[in-house]
Amino acid sequence: MYYQQGVFNCDYFILDLLKTQILKLNQAVISGMVTVYTVVCF
């Protein structure tokens, strides 16, 4: 019981970490695209 709970918590933590990393990556990609768009259009 405790083991399953521990594994679940670990998995949840890793998933949470991945989600934040993906969000950061998306922000970087979006800001990069905005920069390129700004350079190309202006």
N, C-alpha and C. Protein backbone atom coordinates (compact mmCIF):
# COMPACT_ATOMS: atom_id res chain seq x y z
N MET A 1 0.84 -1.20 0.00
CA MET A 1 0.00 0.00 0.00
C MET A 1 0.87 1.25 0.00
N TYR A 2 1.80 1.30 0.95
CA TYR A 2 2.69 2.47 1.03
C TYR A 2 3.57 2.56 -0.21
N TYR A 3 4.00 1.37 -0.67
CA TYR A 3 4.88 1.35 -1.85
C TYR A 3 4.17 1.93 -3.06
N GLN A 4 2.92 1.49 -3.28
CA GLN A 4 2.15 2.00 -4.42
C GLN A 4 1.95 3.51 -4.30
N GLN A 5 1.64 3.96 -3.10
CA GLN A 5 1.43 5.39 -2.88
C GLN A 5 2.71 6.17 -3.19
N GLY A 6 3.85 5.63 -2.75
CA GLY A 6 5.13 6.27 -3.00
C GLY A 6 5.43 6.35 -4.48
N VAL A 7 5.19 5.26 -5.20
CA VAL A 7 5.44 5.24 -6.64
C VAL A 7 4.53 6.24 -7.33
N PHE A 8 3.28 6.27 -6.90
CA PHE A 8 2.32 7.21 -7.49
C PHE A 8 2.80 8.65 -7.29
N ASN A 9 3.23 8.97 -6.08
CA ASN A 9 3.71 10.32 -5.79
C ASN A 9 4.91 10.65 -6.66
N CYS A 10 5.81 9.70 -6.82
CA CYS A 10 7.01 9.90 -7.62
C CYS A 10 6.61 10.17 -9.07
N ASP A 11 5.73 9.34 -9.61
CA ASP A 11 5.27 9.51 -11.00
C ASP A 11 4.61 10.87 -11.17
N TYR A 12 3.78 11.24 -10.20
CA TYR A 12 3.07 12.51 -10.27
C TYR A 12 4.06 13.67 -10.27
N PHE A 13 5.08 13.56 -9.42
CA PHE A 13 6.11 14.60 -9.33
C PHE A 13 6.85 14.74 -10.65
N ILE A 14 7.21 13.61 -11.25
CA ILE A 14 7.94 13.63 -12.53
C ILE A 14 7.06 14.23 -13.62
N LEU A 15 5.78 13.85 -13.64
CA LEU A 15 4.85 14.40 -14.64
C LEU A 15 4.72 15.90 -14.46
N ASP A 16 4.63 16.34 -13.20
CA ASP A 16 4.52 17.76 -12.91
C ASP A 16 5.76 18.50 -13.42
N LEU A 17 6.92 17.91 -13.17
CA LEU A 17 8.18 18.49 -13.61
C LEU A 17 8.20 18.59 -15.14
N LEU A 18 7.76 17.53 -15.80
CA LEU A 18 7.72 17.53 -17.27
C LEU A 18 6.80 18.62 -17.79
N LYS A 19 5.65 18.76 -17.13
CA LYS A 19 4.70 19.78 -17.58
C LYS A 19 5.31 21.17 -17.48
N THR A 20 6.01 21.45 -16.38
CA THR A 20 6.62 22.78 -16.23
C THR A 20 7.71 22.98 -17.26
N GLN A 21 8.49 21.91 -17.52
CA GLN A 21 9.55 22.01 -18.53
C GLN A 21 8.96 22.28 -19.90
N ILE A 22 7.87 21.60 -20.24
CA ILE A 22 7.22 21.79 -21.54
C ILE A 22 6.67 23.21 -21.65
N LEU A 23 6.11 23.71 -20.54
CA LEU A 23 5.60 25.08 -20.56
C LEU A 23 6.73 26.06 -20.80
N LYS A 24 7.88 25.85 -20.13
CA LYS A 24 9.03 26.73 -20.33
C LYS A 24 9.50 26.66 -21.78
N LEU A 25 9.54 25.45 -22.32
CA LEU A 25 9.97 25.25 -23.70
C LEU A 25 9.02 25.98 -24.64
N ASN A 26 7.72 25.84 -24.41
CA ASN A 26 6.74 26.52 -25.25
C ASN A 26 6.92 28.03 -25.18
N GLN A 27 7.16 28.55 -23.98
CA GLN A 27 7.38 29.99 -23.83
C GLN A 27 8.59 30.43 -24.62
N ALA A 28 9.66 29.65 -24.56
CA ALA A 28 10.88 29.98 -25.29
C ALA A 28 10.62 29.96 -26.79
N VAL A 29 9.91 28.93 -27.25
CA VAL A 29 9.61 28.81 -28.68
C VAL A 29 8.74 29.98 -29.14
N ILE A 30 7.73 30.30 -28.34
CA ILE A 30 6.82 31.39 -28.69
C ILE A 30 7.58 32.72 -28.73
N SER A 31 8.41 32.99 -27.73
CA SER A 31 9.16 34.24 -27.72
C SER A 31 10.13 34.29 -28.90
N GLY A 32 10.72 33.15 -29.24
CA GLY A 32 11.61 33.09 -30.39
C GLY A 32 10.87 33.38 -31.68
N MET A 33 9.68 32.81 -31.82
CA MET A 33 8.88 33.05 -33.02
C MET A 33 8.45 34.50 -33.10
N VAL A 34 8.10 35.08 -31.96
CA VAL A 34 7.71 36.50 -31.92
C VAL A 34 8.89 37.36 -32.35
N THR A 35 10.09 37.01 -31.88
CA THR A 35 11.29 37.76 -32.25
C THR A 35 11.51 37.68 -33.76
N VAL A 36 11.43 36.48 -34.31
CA VAL A 36 11.63 36.30 -35.75
C VAL A 36 10.56 37.07 -36.52
N TYR A 37 9.33 36.96 -36.07
CA TYR A 37 8.21 37.67 -36.72
C TYR A 37 8.45 39.17 -36.72
N THR A 38 8.91 39.69 -35.57
CA THR A 38 9.17 41.13 -35.44
C THR A 38 10.29 41.54 -36.39
N VAL A 39 11.36 40.76 -36.45
CA VAL A 39 12.49 41.08 -37.32
C VAL A 39 12.07 41.05 -38.78
N VAL A 40 11.29 40.05 -39.16
CA VAL A 40 10.88 39.90 -40.56
C VAL A 40 9.91 41.01 -40.96
N CYS A 41 8.99 41.35 -40.07
CA CYS A 41 7.94 42.32 -40.43
C CYS A 41 8.39 43.76 -40.25
N PHE A 42 9.33 44.02 -39.36
CA PHE A 42 9.81 45.38 -39.14
C PHE A 42 11.29 45.45 -39.45
